[in-house]
Protein backbone atom coordinates (compact mmCIF):
# COMPACT_ATOMS: atom_id res chain seq x y z
CA MET A 1 -8.53 37.16 18.24
CA ALA A 2 -10.80 35.37 16.69
CA GLY A 3 -9.64 32.35 14.73
CA LYS A 4 -9.86 31.79 11.06
CA ALA A 5 -13.59 31.19 9.68
CA LYS A 6 -13.78 27.73 8.44
CA SER A 7 -15.05 27.24 4.71
CA PRO A 8 -18.57 26.21 3.84
CA ALA A 9 -19.05 22.68 3.17
CA VAL A 10 -19.81 21.66 -0.23
CA GLU A 11 -22.07 18.41 -1.38
CA LEU A 12 -20.32 16.16 -4.08
CA GLU A 13 -22.55 13.65 -5.95
CA VAL A 14 -20.55 10.51 -6.23
CA GLY A 15 -21.38 7.66 -7.68
CA GLY A 16 -24.73 7.99 -7.32
CA ARG A 17 -23.82 9.05 -3.76
CA THR A 18 -24.19 12.66 -1.94
CA VAL A 19 -20.71 12.98 0.12
CA ARG A 20 -20.56 16.32 2.17
CA VAL A 21 -16.67 17.73 2.40
CA SER A 22 -16.80 20.17 5.10
CA ASN A 23 -13.66 22.81 5.28
CA PRO A 24 -12.36 22.25 1.76
CA ASP A 25 -10.46 24.82 1.83
CA ARG A 26 -8.42 23.46 4.68
CA VAL A 27 -4.78 23.25 3.52
CA TYR A 28 -3.54 19.70 3.58
CA PHE A 29 -0.49 19.98 1.64
CA PRO A 30 1.68 22.79 2.94
CA ALA A 31 4.27 22.66 0.19
CA HIS A 32 1.96 23.49 -2.77
CA GLY A 33 -1.15 24.47 -0.77
CA GLU A 34 -3.70 21.59 -1.64
CA THR A 35 -6.94 21.92 0.16
CA LYS A 36 -9.08 18.84 1.29
CA LEU A 37 -11.19 19.43 -1.54
CA ASP A 38 -8.22 18.89 -3.74
CA LEU A 39 -7.66 15.05 -1.63
CA VAL A 40 -11.45 14.31 -2.54
CA LYS A 41 -11.21 15.22 -5.96
CA TYR A 42 -7.44 13.85 -6.69
CA TYR A 43 -9.00 10.45 -5.41
CA LEU A 44 -12.33 10.81 -7.46
CA SER A 45 -9.93 11.22 -10.63
CA VAL A 46 -8.08 7.80 -10.38
CA SER A 47 -11.72 6.43 -8.76
CA ASP A 48 -11.38 2.80 -11.08
CA GLY A 49 -7.71 2.43 -9.44
CA ILE A 50 -8.14 2.91 -6.00
CA VAL A 51 -11.46 0.88 -6.00
CA ASN A 52 -9.61 -1.83 -7.81
CA ALA A 53 -6.53 -1.83 -5.07
CA LEU A 54 -8.77 -1.64 -2.19
CA ARG A 55 -12.04 -3.79 -3.10
CA GLU A 56 -12.82 -5.92 -0.67
CA ARG A 57 -10.43 -5.88 1.47
CA PRO A 58 -10.18 -4.77 5.47
CA CYS A 59 -8.92 -1.13 5.51
CA MET A 60 -7.09 0.98 8.00
CA LEU A 61 -6.94 4.29 7.89
CA HIS A 62 -4.05 7.02 7.92
CA ARG A 63 -6.08 10.33 9.31
CA PHE A 64 -5.22 13.78 9.54
CA PRO A 65 -7.50 16.06 11.13
CA ASP A 66 -5.36 19.10 10.62
CA GLY A 67 -3.57 18.46 7.42
CA VAL A 68 -0.33 16.67 6.97
CA ALA A 69 1.49 19.10 9.05
CA GLY A 70 -0.27 17.71 12.17
CA GLU A 71 -1.42 14.69 14.00
CA LYS A 72 -1.65 11.41 12.00
CA VAL A 73 -3.96 9.01 13.40
CA HIS A 74 -4.02 5.38 12.68
CA GLN A 75 -7.76 4.34 12.62
CA LYS A 76 -8.50 0.65 12.06
CA ARG A 77 -12.08 1.10 12.93
CA LEU A 78 -14.69 2.66 10.55
CA PRO A 79 -15.11 6.20 12.29
CA HIS A 80 -18.00 7.14 14.09
CA GLY A 81 -20.80 8.91 11.99
CA ALA A 82 -20.86 7.03 9.01
CA PRO A 83 -23.80 6.94 6.34
CA PRO A 84 -25.63 3.31 6.45
CA TRP A 85 -24.25 2.47 2.54
CA MET A 86 -20.79 2.74 4.01
CA GLU A 87 -19.26 -1.08 4.31
CA THR A 88 -17.14 -3.10 6.83
CA VAL A 89 -15.63 -6.50 7.20
CA GLN A 90 -14.95 -7.43 10.67
CA VAL A 91 -11.29 -8.71 11.33
CA LYS A 92 -9.78 -10.39 14.67
CA PHE A 93 -6.73 -9.16 16.25
CA PRO A 94 -5.73 -12.21 18.44
CA ARG A 95 -3.24 -10.87 20.37
CA TYR A 96 -5.10 -8.47 21.81
CA ASN A 97 -8.37 -10.88 22.09
CA ARG A 98 -10.11 -7.70 20.21
CA THR A 99 -12.32 -7.41 16.83
CA ALA A 100 -12.67 -4.39 14.68
CA ASP A 101 -15.36 -3.53 12.26
CA GLU A 102 -12.67 -1.45 9.21
CA LEU A 103 -13.71 -0.05 6.15
CA CYS A 104 -14.11 -2.04 2.99
CA VAL A 105 -14.18 0.02 0.50
CA THR A 106 -16.57 -1.36 -2.59
CA GLU A 107 -17.44 1.96 -4.41
CA ILE A 108 -15.60 5.42 -4.74
CA ALA A 109 -18.44 6.97 -2.22
CA HIS A 110 -16.65 4.90 0.40
CA VAL A 111 -12.90 6.35 -0.35
CA ALA A 112 -14.88 9.79 -0.78
CA TRP A 113 -16.43 9.52 2.44
CA ALA A 114 -13.44 8.34 4.28
CA VAL A 115 -11.13 11.21 2.46
CA GLN A 116 -13.80 13.97 4.66
CA MET A 117 -13.00 12.22 7.76
CA SER A 118 -9.25 13.37 6.71
CA THR A 119 -8.54 10.10 5.93
CA VAL A 120 -5.23 10.96 3.78
CA GLU A 121 -3.87 7.40 3.23
CA PHE A 122 -5.45 4.17 2.71
CA HIS A 123 -3.94 1.34 4.08
CA PRO A 124 -5.56 -1.88 3.10
CA TRP A 125 -4.61 -5.86 4.49
CA ASN A 126 -3.96 -8.33 1.58
CA SER A 127 -6.57 -10.83 2.41
CA ARG A 128 -10.44 -10.01 1.27
CA ARG A 129 -13.62 -10.19 3.08
CA ALA A 130 -14.64 -13.89 2.00
CA ASP A 131 -11.99 -15.03 4.30
CA THR A 132 -10.08 -12.85 5.97
CA GLU A 133 -7.35 -15.04 7.11
CA LYS A 134 -6.30 -16.47 3.64
CA PRO A 135 -4.14 -13.43 1.69
CA ASP A 136 -4.65 -13.13 -1.79
CA GLU A 137 -1.98 -10.74 -2.19
CA TRP A 138 1.83 -11.13 -2.15
CA ARG A 139 3.98 -7.88 -1.15
CA ILE A 140 7.04 -7.43 -2.04
CA ASP A 141 8.51 -3.97 -0.49
CA LEU A 142 11.47 -2.72 -1.31
CA ASP A 143 12.59 -1.22 1.69
CA PRO A 144 15.97 0.93 0.97
CA MET A 145 18.23 1.57 4.17
CA PRO A 146 19.03 5.16 5.05
CA ASP A 147 21.95 5.40 2.95
CA CYS A 148 20.82 3.36 0.15
CA PRO A 149 20.60 5.14 -3.18
CA PHE A 150 17.49 4.95 -5.29
CA ASP A 151 19.89 3.29 -7.96
CA ARG A 152 20.16 0.51 -5.76
CA VAL A 153 15.91 0.37 -5.15
CA ARG A 154 15.93 -0.57 -8.93
CA ARG A 155 19.07 -2.53 -9.38
CA VAL A 156 17.18 -5.10 -6.89
CA ALA A 157 14.12 -4.34 -8.90
CA GLY A 158 15.08 -5.43 -11.73
CA VAL A 159 16.72 -8.77 -10.13
CA VAL A 160 13.04 -9.37 -8.57
CA HIS A 161 11.50 -9.00 -11.88
CA GLU A 162 13.96 -11.57 -13.35
CA VAL A 163 12.99 -14.36 -10.31
CA LEU A 164 9.43 -13.32 -10.64
CA ASP A 165 9.90 -14.24 -14.67
CA GLU A 166 11.69 -17.44 -13.88
CA LEU A 167 8.53 -18.73 -11.26
CA GLY A 168 6.45 -17.39 -13.75
CA ALA A 169 4.90 -14.83 -11.47
CA VAL A 170 3.52 -11.38 -13.10
CA GLY A 171 4.70 -8.91 -10.63
CA TYR A 172 3.04 -5.75 -10.33
CA PRO A 173 5.42 -2.92 -9.40
CA LYS A 174 4.61 1.03 -7.79
CA THR A 175 6.28 3.10 -6.43
CA SER A 176 5.67 3.62 -2.40
CA GLY A 177 4.86 7.13 -2.43
CA GLY A 178 8.28 7.55 -0.23
CA SER A 179 11.40 6.38 -1.44
CA GLY A 180 11.56 2.48 -1.78
CA ILE A 181 9.68 0.47 -4.53
CA HIS A 182 6.43 -2.24 -4.24
CA VAL A 183 5.67 -5.51 -6.19
CA TYR A 184 2.22 -6.67 -5.63
CA VAL A 185 1.29 -10.21 -7.32
CA ARG A 186 -2.04 -11.79 -6.86
CA VAL A 187 -1.53 -15.47 -5.44
CA ARG A 188 -4.54 -18.27 -4.50
CA PRO A 189 -6.01 -17.47 -1.41
CA GLU A 190 -4.69 -21.50 -0.08
CA TYR A 191 -2.46 -20.16 3.04
CA GLY A 192 -2.42 -18.34 6.04
CA PHE A 193 -0.45 -15.21 6.46
CA SER A 194 2.70 -16.98 8.47
CA ASP A 195 3.01 -19.17 5.19
CA VAL A 196 2.97 -16.24 3.21
CA ARG A 197 5.26 -14.80 5.20
CA ARG A 198 7.58 -17.80 4.72
CA ALA A 199 7.30 -18.18 1.16
CA ALA A 200 8.14 -13.89 0.86
CA LEU A 201 11.00 -14.59 2.83
CA ALA A 202 12.14 -17.64 0.63
CA PHE A 203 11.74 -15.35 -2.44
CA ALA A 204 13.79 -12.47 -0.44
CA ARG A 205 16.64 -14.61 0.17
CA GLU A 206 16.77 -15.51 -3.04
CA VAL A 207 17.16 -12.08 -4.58
CA GLU A 208 19.78 -11.87 -1.57
CA ARG A 209 22.06 -14.48 -2.98
CA ARG A 210 21.19 -12.78 -6.64
CA ALA A 211 22.45 -9.59 -5.51
CA PRO A 212 24.49 -9.97 -2.16
CA GLU A 213 26.31 -6.78 -2.75
CA ASP A 214 22.56 -4.60 -2.57
CA VAL A 215 20.63 -6.62 -0.46
CA THR A 216 19.51 -7.62 3.06
CA THR A 217 17.03 -9.92 4.64
CA THR A 218 18.39 -9.18 7.71
CA TRP A 219 15.59 -9.28 10.53
CA TRP A 220 17.25 -6.50 12.84
CA ARG A 221 17.48 -3.28 11.71
CA LYS A 222 19.91 -2.32 14.17
CA ASP A 223 21.95 -5.47 12.29
CA ARG A 224 21.19 -4.02 8.42
CA ASP A 225 24.50 -2.37 6.53
CA PRO A 226 22.48 1.01 6.27
CA LYS A 227 23.57 0.92 2.57
CA LYS A 228 21.48 -2.16 1.15
CA LEU A 229 18.09 -2.54 0.54
CA PHE A 230 15.95 -4.57 2.59
CA VAL A 231 13.22 -7.25 0.79
CA ASP A 232 10.66 -6.46 3.53
CA TYR A 233 8.97 -9.98 4.02
CA ASN A 234 7.32 -9.41 6.77
CA GLN A 235 4.73 -6.87 4.91
CA ASN A 236 3.15 -9.87 4.49
CA ALA A 237 2.52 -10.73 8.11
CA ARG A 238 -1.08 -10.47 9.68
CA ASP A 239 -2.19 -6.83 10.18
CA HIS A 240 0.74 -5.45 8.51
CA THR A 241 -0.47 -2.87 5.76
CA ILE A 242 1.32 -0.61 3.40
CA ALA A 243 -0.12 2.33 1.42
CA SER A 244 -2.36 1.06 -1.55
CA ALA A 245 -1.74 1.92 -5.11
CA TYR A 246 -3.03 5.22 -6.27
CA SER A 247 -2.91 6.23 -2.30
CA VAL A 248 -1.40 9.83 -1.33
CA ARG A 249 1.16 9.82 1.10
CA GLY A 250 1.26 11.65 4.45
CA ASN A 251 3.82 14.27 3.37
CA ALA A 252 4.46 18.02 2.26
CA ASP A 253 4.22 17.01 -1.22
CA GLY A 254 1.98 14.68 -1.31
CA THR A 255 3.30 12.46 -3.18
CA VAL A 256 1.32 9.18 -4.51
CA SER A 257 2.37 5.29 -4.21
CA THR A 258 1.40 5.10 -8.35
CA PRO A 259 1.57 1.97 -10.14
CA ILE A 260 4.11 1.83 -12.81
CA HIS A 261 5.43 -0.34 -15.93
CA TRP A 262 8.72 -2.33 -15.83
CA ASP A 263 10.22 -0.94 -18.03
CA GLU A 264 9.67 2.59 -16.59
CA VAL A 265 11.80 1.45 -13.13
CA ASP A 266 15.65 2.50 -14.63
CA ASP A 267 14.25 6.33 -14.92
CA VAL A 268 11.60 6.13 -12.53
CA ASN A 269 11.74 9.07 -10.01
CA PRO A 270 8.78 8.78 -6.94
CA LYS A 271 9.02 12.74 -6.47
CA ASP A 272 7.35 13.16 -9.77
CA PHE A 273 4.30 11.61 -8.86
CA THR A 274 1.83 13.51 -6.50
CA ILE A 275 -2.07 14.53 -6.57
CA ARG A 276 -0.76 17.27 -9.31
CA THR A 277 0.68 15.12 -11.52
CA VAL A 278 -0.93 11.31 -11.05
CA PRO A 279 -4.41 12.69 -12.79
CA GLN A 280 -2.90 13.42 -16.24
CA ARG A 281 -1.22 10.72 -15.83
CA TYR A 282 -4.10 8.25 -14.72
CA ALA A 283 -6.22 10.10 -17.70
CA GLU A 284 -3.67 8.73 -20.34
CA LEU A 285 -2.73 5.46 -19.16
CA GLY A 286 -5.50 4.38 -17.33
CA ASP A 287 -5.27 1.85 -14.41
CA LEU A 288 -2.18 0.04 -14.68
CA HIS A 289 -2.91 -2.82 -12.03
CA ALA A 290 -5.86 -3.25 -13.70
CA SER A 291 -5.18 -6.92 -14.99
CA ILE A 292 -3.87 -7.82 -11.48
CA ASP A 293 -6.77 -10.15 -10.61
CA ASP A 294 -5.71 -12.16 -14.06
CA ASP A 295 -2.99 -13.09 -13.53
CA VAL A 296 -2.92 -15.49 -10.21
CA TYR A 297 0.26 -17.29 -8.91
CA SER A 298 0.67 -20.37 -6.76
CA LEU A 299 3.36 -20.31 -4.24
CA ALA A 300 3.52 -23.91 -4.03
CA THR A 301 7.21 -23.25 -5.75
CA LEU A 302 7.82 -20.74 -2.65
CA MET A 303 6.62 -23.25 -0.14
CA GLU A 304 9.42 -25.56 -1.23
CA TRP A 305 11.92 -23.08 -1.19
CA ALA A 306 11.28 -21.91 2.22
CA GLU A 307 11.18 -25.84 3.17
CA ARG A 308 14.86 -26.43 1.71
CA ASP A 309 16.48 -23.37 2.91
CA GLU A 310 14.77 -24.15 6.85
CA ARG A 311 16.37 -27.87 6.03
CA GLU A 312 19.44 -25.96 5.54
CA GLY A 313 19.79 -24.40 8.84
CA ALA A 314 17.93 -20.84 7.31
CA GLU A 315 17.67 -18.82 10.76
CA ALA A 316 14.03 -18.17 10.93
CA PRO A 317 12.89 -14.84 12.14
CA PRO A 318 10.90 -14.13 15.11
CA GLU A 319 7.01 -14.09 14.70
CA ASP A 320 5.91 -10.46 14.57
């Protein structure tokens, strides 16, 4: 029996570029039937936000050629067949003695073309192409263990906000698109990945001291209390990436990692944010992370905390 015929390609004008979308009717998200073309249109609806989140960062792509029910491909290198207007940045992987030319988004057409190549999730580095070895983004990943309720995630986010305020740092929260919350802080690109990770660990330990019943910084997953929340400082390690603001996630519902206001944390339900609902929210609120580049924090105090913890005998986790 012949297979189902592919739907004819469509061409979209995207920021002055023409992006051809092949097989636009392929269902990518089975829960509600959204298609590849729906995914492209979603990203166009949040264009300034997704470009702001990815701008000039090396970006790993999570591709789903057959939709999210199929195989996931982790793509570091820009896919073959890219038009000449796509941009890349070369990054190094010292452990493997390799390099890769990764996507480097500077305009919405770059995002649309990546979706044409079956990208669902965008996972940027926390550094930019001007100096890929010096992060300018500190990422606080509130990662609940399997038996950790979301109320605990909300509580810990409040503690994170409290500590950031005391440090004079401005945190920009978002849902993870899963069961956690991320908070991003712009930092001066003064340190390498290992030092930013040290600073992030020092911050995580302070949050743990203030909420010991809720938080763990234990390195080995098997040793963590399954009811607690892990403040995952390791997301600041070199070549570790998490889904950007406005990135769709590769699940059947098409949830979205969505920027939120701090005063939304107590009531937020991450499942409410999907490719169906976020465009209207974005139309009403705009990009809640639009001003993130205006609030740049020095890690000097956190580096002092890290040195204090090390002097007092805090065990350093292994280098990832």
